[in-house]
C-alpha atoms as a PDB file:
ATOM      1  CA  UNK A   1     -51.729 -50.218 -24.599  1.00  0.00           C
ATOM      2  CA  UNK A   2     -47.996 -49.571 -24.371  1.00  0.00           C
ATOM      3  CA  UNK A   3     -45.664 -51.604 -26.549  1.00  0.00           C
ATOM      4  CA  UNK A   4     -44.165 -53.427 -23.539  1.00  0.00           C
ATOM      5  CA  UNK A   5     -47.542 -54.395 -22.041  1.00  0.00           C
ATOM      6  CA  UNK A   6     -48.236 -58.127 -22.029  1.00  0.00           C
ATOM      7  CA  UNK A   7     -50.731 -59.141 -24.700  1.00  0.00           C
ATOM      8  CA  UNK A   8     -51.657 -62.632 -23.467  1.00  0.00           C
ATOM      9  CA  UNK A   9     -53.816 -63.744 -26.397  1.00  0.00           C
ATOM     10  CA  UNK A  10     -51.240 -62.734 -29.020  1.00  0.00           C
ATOM     11  CA  UNK A  11     -48.405 -64.205 -26.974  1.00  0.00           C
ATOM     12  CA  UNK A  12     -50.274 -67.502 -26.528  1.00  0.00           C
ATOM     13  CA  UNK A  13     -50.930 -67.682 -30.303  1.00  0.00           C
ATOM     14  CA  UNK A  14     -47.238 -67.230 -31.039  1.00  0.00           C
ATOM     15  CA  UNK A  15     -46.160 -69.790 -28.444  1.00  0.00           C
ATOM     16  CA  UNK A  16     -48.701 -72.275 -29.768  1.00  0.00           C
ATOM     17  CA  UNK A  17     -47.412 -71.726 -33.324  1.00  0.00           C
ATOM     18  CA  UNK A  18     -43.857 -72.421 -32.160  1.00  0.00           C
ATOM     19  CA  UNK A  19     -44.923 -75.493 -30.177  1.00  0.00           C
ATOM     20  CA  UNK A  20     -44.449 -77.824 -33.162  1.00  0.00           C
ATOM     21  CA  UNK A  21     -40.914 -79.041 -33.970  1.00  0.00           C
ATOM     22  CA  UNK A  22     -41.166 -78.498 -37.734  1.00  0.00           C
ATOM     23  CA  UNK A  23     -42.317 -74.915 -37.262  1.00  0.00           C
ATOM     24  CA  UNK A  24     -39.335 -74.266 -35.014  1.00  0.00           C
ATOM     25  CA  UNK A  25     -37.105 -75.736 -37.720  1.00  0.00           C
ATOM     26  CA  UNK A  26     -38.732 -73.453 -40.316  1.00  0.00           C
ATOM     27  CA  UNK A  27     -38.143 -70.388 -38.132  1.00  0.00           C
ATOM     28  CA  UNK A  28     -34.551 -71.462 -37.538  1.00  0.00           C
ATOM     29  CA  UNK A  29     -34.002 -71.929 -41.290  1.00  0.00           C
ATOM     30  CA  UNK A  30     -35.459 -68.505 -42.060  1.00  0.00           C
ATOM     31  CA  UNK A  31     -32.862 -66.906 -39.764  1.00  0.00           C
ATOM     32  CA  UNK A  32     -30.430 -67.010 -42.680  1.00  0.00           C
ATOM     33  CA  UNK A  33     -32.790 -65.114 -44.978  1.00  0.00           C
ATOM     34  CA  UNK A  34     -35.962 -65.331 -47.058  1.00  0.00           C
ATOM     35  CA  UNK A  35     -36.885 -68.593 -48.790  1.00  0.00           C
ATOM     36  CA  UNK A  36     -39.753 -69.964 -50.849  1.00  0.00           C
ATOM     37  CA  UNK A  37     -41.703 -73.120 -49.991  1.00  0.00           C
ATOM     38  CA  UNK A  38     -39.646 -75.275 -52.373  1.00  0.00           C
ATOM     39  CA  UNK A  39     -36.372 -74.117 -50.851  1.00  0.00           C
ATOM     40  CA  UNK A  40     -37.627 -74.794 -47.324  1.00  0.00           C
ATOM     41  CA  UNK A  41     -38.982 -78.225 -48.275  1.00  0.00           C
ATOM     42  CA  UNK A  42     -35.638 -79.203 -49.787  1.00  0.00           C
ATOM     43  CA  UNK A  43     -33.582 -77.902 -46.855  1.00  0.00           C
ATOM     44  CA  UNK A  44     -35.837 -79.522 -44.259  1.00  0.00           C
ATOM     45  CA  UNK A  45     -36.416 -82.769 -46.179  1.00  0.00           C
ATOM     46  CA  UNK A  46     -40.218 -82.634 -46.024  1.00  0.00           C
ATOM     47  CA  UNK A  47     -43.060 -82.369 -48.537  1.00  0.00           C
ATOM     48  CA  UNK A  48     -43.880 -78.918 -49.915  1.00  0.00           C
ATOM     49  CA  UNK A  49     -47.530 -79.251 -48.855  1.00  0.00           C
ATOM     50  CA  UNK A  50     -46.425 -79.886 -45.255  1.00  0.00           C
ATOM     51  CA  UNK A  51     -44.133 -76.837 -45.262  1.00  0.00           C
ATOM     52  CA  UNK A  52     -46.881 -74.725 -46.807  1.00  0.00           C
ATOM     53  CA  UNK A  53     -49.342 -75.772 -44.085  1.00  0.00           C
ATOM     54  CA  UNK A  54     -46.920 -74.878 -41.290  1.00  0.00           C
ATOM     55  CA  UNK A  55     -45.986 -71.567 -42.933  1.00  0.00           C
ATOM     56  CA  UNK A  56     -49.680 -70.665 -42.927  1.00  0.00           C
ATOM     57  CA  UNK A  57     -49.792 -71.206 -39.163  1.00  0.00           C
ATOM     58  CA  UNK A  58     -46.633 -69.139 -38.639  1.00  0.00           C
ATOM     59  CA  UNK A  59     -48.077 -66.390 -40.831  1.00  0.00           C
ATOM     60  CA  UNK A  60     -51.371 -66.379 -38.888  1.00  0.00           C
ATOM     61  CA  UNK A  61     -49.345 -65.991 -35.679  1.00  0.00           C
ATOM     62  CA  UNK A  62     -47.580 -63.028 -37.330  1.00  0.00           C
ATOM     63  CA  UNK A  63     -44.143 -64.609 -37.048  1.00  0.00           C
ATOM     64  CA  UNK A  64     -43.437 -64.695 -40.791  1.00  0.00           C
ATOM     65  CA  UNK A  65     -44.325 -62.404 -43.660  1.00  0.00           C
ATOM     66  CA  UNK A  66     -44.635 -63.003 -47.396  1.00  0.00           C
ATOM     67  CA  UNK A  67     -43.514 -61.219 -50.502  1.00  0.00           C
ATOM     68  CA  UNK A  68     -44.230 -62.122 -54.106  1.00  0.00           C
ATOM     69  CA  UNK A  69     -41.099 -62.431 -56.237  1.00  0.00           C
ATOM     70  CA  UNK A  70     -42.136 -63.300 -59.762  1.00  0.00           C
ATOM     71  CA  UNK A  71     -44.140 -66.524 -59.586  1.00  0.00           C
ATOM     72  CA  UNK A  72     -42.870 -67.392 -56.108  1.00  0.00           C
ATOM     73  CA  UNK A  73     -44.062 -66.417 -52.663  1.00  0.00           C
ATOM     74  CA  UNK A  74     -41.026 -65.821 -50.469  1.00  0.00           C
ATOM     75  CA  UNK A  75     -41.256 -66.160 -46.686  1.00  0.00           C
ATOM     76  CA  UNK A  76     -39.152 -64.330 -44.143  1.00  0.00           C
ATOM     77  CA  UNK A  77     -39.270 -63.663 -40.436  1.00  0.00           C
ATOM     78  CA  UNK A  78     -41.123 -60.516 -39.449  1.00  0.00           C
ATOM     79  CA  UNK A  79     -38.867 -57.672 -38.412  1.00  0.00           C
ATOM     80  CA  UNK A  80     -37.913 -57.927 -34.756  1.00  0.00           C
ATOM     81  CA  UNK A  81     -38.778 -61.638 -34.387  1.00  0.00           C
ATOM     82  CA  UNK A  82     -35.214 -62.903 -34.750  1.00  0.00           C
ATOM     83  CA  UNK A  83     -32.499 -61.273 -32.691  1.00  0.00           C
ATOM     84  CA  UNK A  84     -28.891 -62.169 -33.449  1.00  0.00           C
ATOM     85  CA  UNK A  85     -26.417 -62.421 -30.597  1.00  0.00           C
ATOM     86  CA  UNK A  86     -25.510 -58.929 -29.429  1.00  0.00           C
ATOM     87  CA  UNK A  87     -22.158 -59.967 -27.985  1.00  0.00           C
ATOM     88  CA  UNK A  88     -19.787 -62.917 -27.855  1.00  0.00           C
ATOM     89  CA  UNK A  89     -21.634 -64.162 -24.769  1.00  0.00           C
ATOM     90  CA  UNK A  90     -25.114 -63.321 -26.009  1.00  0.00           C
ATOM     91  CA  UNK A  91     -27.292 -65.874 -27.718  1.00  0.00           C
ATOM     92  CA  UNK A  92     -29.505 -65.702 -30.760  1.00  0.00           C
ATOM     93  CA  UNK A  93     -33.166 -65.687 -29.859  1.00  0.00           C
ATOM     94  CA  UNK A  94     -36.713 -65.341 -31.072  1.00  0.00           C
ATOM     95  CA  UNK A  95     -38.282 -62.284 -29.476  1.00  0.00           C
ATOM     96  CA  UNK A  96     -42.047 -62.600 -29.019  1.00  0.00           C
ATOM     97  CA  UNK A  97     -42.350 -59.443 -26.974  1.00  0.00           C
ATOM     98  CA  UNK A  98     -43.829 -61.341 -24.033  1.00  0.00           C
ATOM     99  CA  UNK A  99     -40.887 -63.727 -23.842  1.00  0.00           C
ATOM    100  CA  UNK A 100     -37.897 -64.896 -25.815  1.00  0.00           C
ATOM    101  CA  UNK A 101     -36.707 -68.304 -26.940  1.00  0.00           C
ATOM    102  CA  UNK A 102     -32.972 -68.848 -27.183  1.00  0.00           C
ATOM    103  CA  UNK A 103     -31.749 -70.630 -30.284  1.00  0.00           C
ATOM    104  CA  UNK A 104     -28.737 -72.900 -29.915  1.00  0.00           C
ATOM    105  CA  UNK A 105     -25.896 -72.359 -32.357  1.00  0.00           C
ATOM    106  CA  UNK A 106     -25.839 -74.977 -35.087  1.00  0.00           C
END
């Protein structure tokens, strides 16, 4: 299957993962760079266990990846998921391959 071919099951999994407001907030927060669960919980003002649960869903949907740094697991967006604005008129967006979601500037 060519890279540009629609993969409906994978696309639906990603859209479902992004269909929860806190997961969208997590993805938006990770735009600025990798963070561990504690950092995300503090930034978002929610319990660490809640953030951890939602990160697991985002990881299963292959939107985030993990890396061990000492005793911490650090989460970041998978390469190609987040696309910064490519011009003054362009908008930042999440690229799922099958579609893209524009992210408003904060």
